[in-house]
Amino acid sequence: MAAIEYGQAASPRVGRIRLAVLSSWVASRGLPLVVGVILVLPLGMLLTNSLNVAPAGQAFRYGLGNWQSALADPTALGTAASLVWRLRSSFARRRCRRSSSRRR
């Protein structure tokens, strides 16, 4: 009966397997995590800075004054309403195009 010898030939293959497992982990868990952080951090900074009521060049002060003035301004609300209306009509047009292309 032949004896099985384990030596130098088996170790490079094990290293390749570990590298493949590591690269698959990075692709499946690390990359979405990095993309999520890149997307969430600017939104968090935007929200934090929207609560700053201090004038430019002064220390940071929390408050809702900026939100109150934005919601009290009728032109800002009209702009937001028109944006929502445009988005809704755009999605409706896309849905109609998809359904008409399926009928053909």
C-alpha atoms as a PDB file:
ATOM      1  CA  MET A   1       0.000   0.000   0.000  1.00  0.00           C
ATOM      2  CA  ALA A   2       1.340   3.434  -0.928  1.00  0.00           C
ATOM      3  CA  ALA A   3       1.855   5.984   1.775  1.00  0.00           C
ATOM      4  CA  ILE A   4       0.401   9.457   1.386  1.00  0.00           C
ATOM      5  CA  GLU A   5       2.947  12.150   2.024  1.00  0.00           C
ATOM      6  CA  TYR A   6       2.048  15.702   2.930  1.00  0.00           C
ATOM      7  CA  GLY A   7       4.699  18.237   2.310  1.00  0.00           C
ATOM      8  CA  GLN A   8       5.454  21.458   0.493  1.00  0.00           C
ATOM      9  CA  ALA A   9       3.062  20.755  -2.382  1.00  0.00           C
ATOM     10  CA  ALA A  10      -0.085  21.001  -0.211  1.00  0.00           C
ATOM     11  CA  SER A  11       0.609  24.351   1.454  1.00  0.00           C
ATOM     12  CA  PRO A  12       0.258  26.712  -1.577  1.00  0.00           C
ATOM     13  CA  ARG A  13      -3.155  25.251  -2.321  1.00  0.00           C
ATOM     14  CA  VAL A  14      -4.326  25.948   1.236  1.00  0.00           C
ATOM     15  CA  GLY A  15      -3.153  29.561   0.895  1.00  0.00           C
ATOM     16  CA  ARG A  16      -5.140  29.965  -2.317  1.00  0.00           C
ATOM     17  CA  ILE A  17      -8.263  28.618  -0.636  1.00  0.00           C
ATOM     18  CA  ARG A  18      -7.867  31.037   2.273  1.00  0.00           C
ATOM     19  CA  LEU A  19      -7.389  33.920  -0.170  1.00  0.00           C
ATOM     20  CA  ALA A  20     -10.516  32.882  -2.083  1.00  0.00           C
ATOM     21  CA  VAL A  21     -12.531  32.704   1.139  1.00  0.00           C
ATOM     22  CA  LEU A  22     -11.235  36.101   2.231  1.00  0.00           C
ATOM     23  CA  SER A  23     -11.972  37.727  -1.127  1.00  0.00           C
ATOM     24  CA  SER A  24     -15.475  36.240  -1.174  1.00  0.00           C
ATOM     25  CA  TRP A  25     -16.084  37.572   2.362  1.00  0.00           C
ATOM     26  CA  VAL A  26     -14.911  41.046   1.326  1.00  0.00           C
ATOM     27  CA  ALA A  27     -17.123  40.959  -1.760  1.00  0.00           C
ATOM     28  CA  SER A  28     -20.221  39.736   0.072  1.00  0.00           C
ATOM     29  CA  ARG A  29     -19.961  41.631   3.366  1.00  0.00           C
ATOM     30  CA  GLY A  30     -17.239  44.237   3.243  1.00  0.00           C
ATOM     31  CA  LEU A  31     -18.152  45.954  -0.009  1.00  0.00           C
ATOM     32  CA  PRO A  32     -21.841  46.511   0.860  1.00  0.00           C
ATOM     33  CA  LEU A  33     -20.764  47.783   4.265  1.00  0.00           C
ATOM     34  CA  VAL A  34     -18.392  50.314   2.702  1.00  0.00           C
ATOM     35  CA  VAL A  35     -21.032  51.437   0.203  1.00  0.00           C
ATOM     36  CA  GLY A  36     -23.565  51.790   3.021  1.00  0.00           C
ATOM     37  CA  VAL A  37     -21.206  53.944   5.066  1.00  0.00           C
ATOM     38  CA  ILE A  38     -20.434  56.114   2.026  1.00  0.00           C
ATOM     39  CA  LEU A  39     -24.155  56.658   1.467  1.00  0.00           C
ATOM     40  CA  VAL A  40     -25.225  57.177   5.093  1.00  0.00           C
ATOM     41  CA  LEU A  41     -22.468  59.494   6.335  1.00  0.00           C
ATOM     42  CA  PRO A  42     -23.295  62.439   4.031  1.00  0.00           C
ATOM     43  CA  LEU A  43     -26.979  62.140   4.952  1.00  0.00           C
ATOM     44  CA  GLY A  44     -26.074  62.180   8.634  1.00  0.00           C
ATOM     45  CA  MET A  45     -23.878  65.235   8.128  1.00  0.00           C
ATOM     46  CA  LEU A  46     -26.692  66.970   6.238  1.00  0.00           C
ATOM     47  CA  LEU A  47     -29.159  66.271   9.040  1.00  0.00           C
ATOM     48  CA  THR A  48     -26.695  67.369  11.733  1.00  0.00           C
ATOM     49  CA  ASN A  49     -25.843  70.593   9.930  1.00  0.00           C
ATOM     50  CA  SER A  50     -29.523  71.361   9.327  1.00  0.00           C
ATOM     51  CA  LEU A  51     -29.920  71.569  13.106  1.00  0.00           C
ATOM     52  CA  ASN A  52     -27.171  74.219  13.397  1.00  0.00           C
ATOM     53  CA  VAL A  53     -28.764  77.606  14.074  1.00  0.00           C
ATOM     54  CA  ALA A  54     -25.552  79.523  14.752  1.00  0.00           C
ATOM     55  CA  PRO A  55     -24.435  82.141  12.212  1.00  0.00           C
ATOM     56  CA  ALA A  56     -21.408  81.403  10.044  1.00  0.00           C
ATOM     57  CA  GLY A  57     -18.131  81.605  11.924  1.00  0.00           C
ATOM     58  CA  GLN A  58     -19.625  80.998  15.380  1.00  0.00           C
ATOM     59  CA  ALA A  59     -19.773  77.917  17.567  1.00  0.00           C
ATOM     60  CA  PHE A  60     -22.260  75.184  16.732  1.00  0.00           C
ATOM     61  CA  ARG A  61     -25.704  75.538  18.396  1.00  0.00           C
ATOM     62  CA  TYR A  62     -28.517  73.023  18.067  1.00  0.00           C
ATOM     63  CA  GLY A  63     -32.013  74.213  17.256  1.00  0.00           C
ATOM     64  CA  LEU A  64     -34.974  73.835  14.942  1.00  0.00           C
ATOM     65  CA  GLY A  65     -35.011  77.415  13.635  1.00  0.00           C
ATOM     66  CA  ASN A  66     -33.850  76.433  10.154  1.00  0.00           C
ATOM     67  CA  TRP A  67     -36.559  73.785   9.874  1.00  0.00           C
ATOM     68  CA  GLN A  68     -39.215  76.199  11.146  1.00  0.00           C
ATOM     69  CA  SER A  69     -38.285  78.844   8.589  1.00  0.00           C
ATOM     70  CA  ALA A  70     -38.155  76.288   5.764  1.00  0.00           C
ATOM     71  CA  LEU A  71     -41.573  74.854   6.605  1.00  0.00           C
ATOM     72  CA  ALA A  72     -43.108  78.314   7.093  1.00  0.00           C
ATOM     73  CA  ASP A  73     -41.959  79.507   3.650  1.00  0.00           C
ATOM     74  CA  PRO A  74     -44.778  78.897   1.133  1.00  0.00           C
ATOM     75  CA  THR A  75     -42.417  78.917  -1.857  1.00  0.00           C
ATOM     76  CA  ALA A  76     -40.352  76.103  -0.343  1.00  0.00           C
ATOM     77  CA  LEU A  77     -43.464  74.008   0.268  1.00  0.00           C
ATOM     78  CA  GLY A  78     -44.689  74.709  -3.268  1.00  0.00           C
ATOM     79  CA  THR A  79     -41.348  73.619  -4.676  1.00  0.00           C
ATOM     80  CA  ALA A  80     -41.419  70.422  -2.632  1.00  0.00           C
ATOM     81  CA  ALA A  81     -44.997  69.683  -3.704  1.00  0.00           C
ATOM     82  CA  SER A  82     -44.153  70.206  -7.376  1.00  0.00           C
ATOM     83  CA  LEU A  83     -41.121  67.940  -7.022  1.00  0.00           C
ATOM     84  CA  VAL A  84     -43.269  65.197  -5.504  1.00  0.00           C
ATOM     85  CA  TRP A  85     -45.864  65.646  -8.260  1.00  0.00           C
ATOM     86  CA  ARG A  86     -43.201  65.394 -10.968  1.00  0.00           C
ATOM     87  CA  LEU A  87     -41.741  62.240  -9.441  1.00  0.00           C
ATOM     88  CA  ARG A  88     -45.184  60.627  -9.183  1.00  0.00           C
ATOM     89  CA  SER A  89     -46.057  61.447 -12.788  1.00  0.00           C
ATOM     90  CA  SER A  90     -42.662  60.200 -13.970  1.00  0.00           C
ATOM     91  CA  PHE A  91     -43.166  56.839 -12.250  1.00  0.00           C
ATOM     92  CA  ALA A  92     -46.708  56.628 -13.657  1.00  0.00           C
ATOM     93  CA  ARG A  93     -45.401  57.204 -17.203  1.00  0.00           C
ATOM     94  CA  ARG A  94     -42.777  54.515 -16.756  1.00  0.00           C
ATOM     95  CA  ARG A  95     -45.368  52.082 -15.471  1.00  0.00           C
ATOM     96  CA  CYS A  96     -47.618  52.803 -18.472  1.00  0.00           C
ATOM     97  CA  ARG A  97     -44.721  52.278 -20.884  1.00  0.00           C
ATOM     98  CA  ARG A  98     -43.856  48.956 -19.306  1.00  0.00           C
ATOM     99  CA  SER A  99     -47.432  47.700 -19.394  1.00  0.00           C
ATOM    100  CA  SER A 100     -47.929  48.790 -23.022  1.00  0.00           C
ATOM    101  CA  SER A 101     -44.694  47.060 -24.099  1.00  0.00           C
ATOM    102  CA  ARG A 102     -45.866  43.820 -22.452  1.00  0.00           C
ATOM    103  CA  ARG A 103     -49.136  43.880 -24.389  1.00  0.00           C
ATOM    104  CA  ARG A 104     -47.423  43.859 -27.793  1.00  0.00           C
END
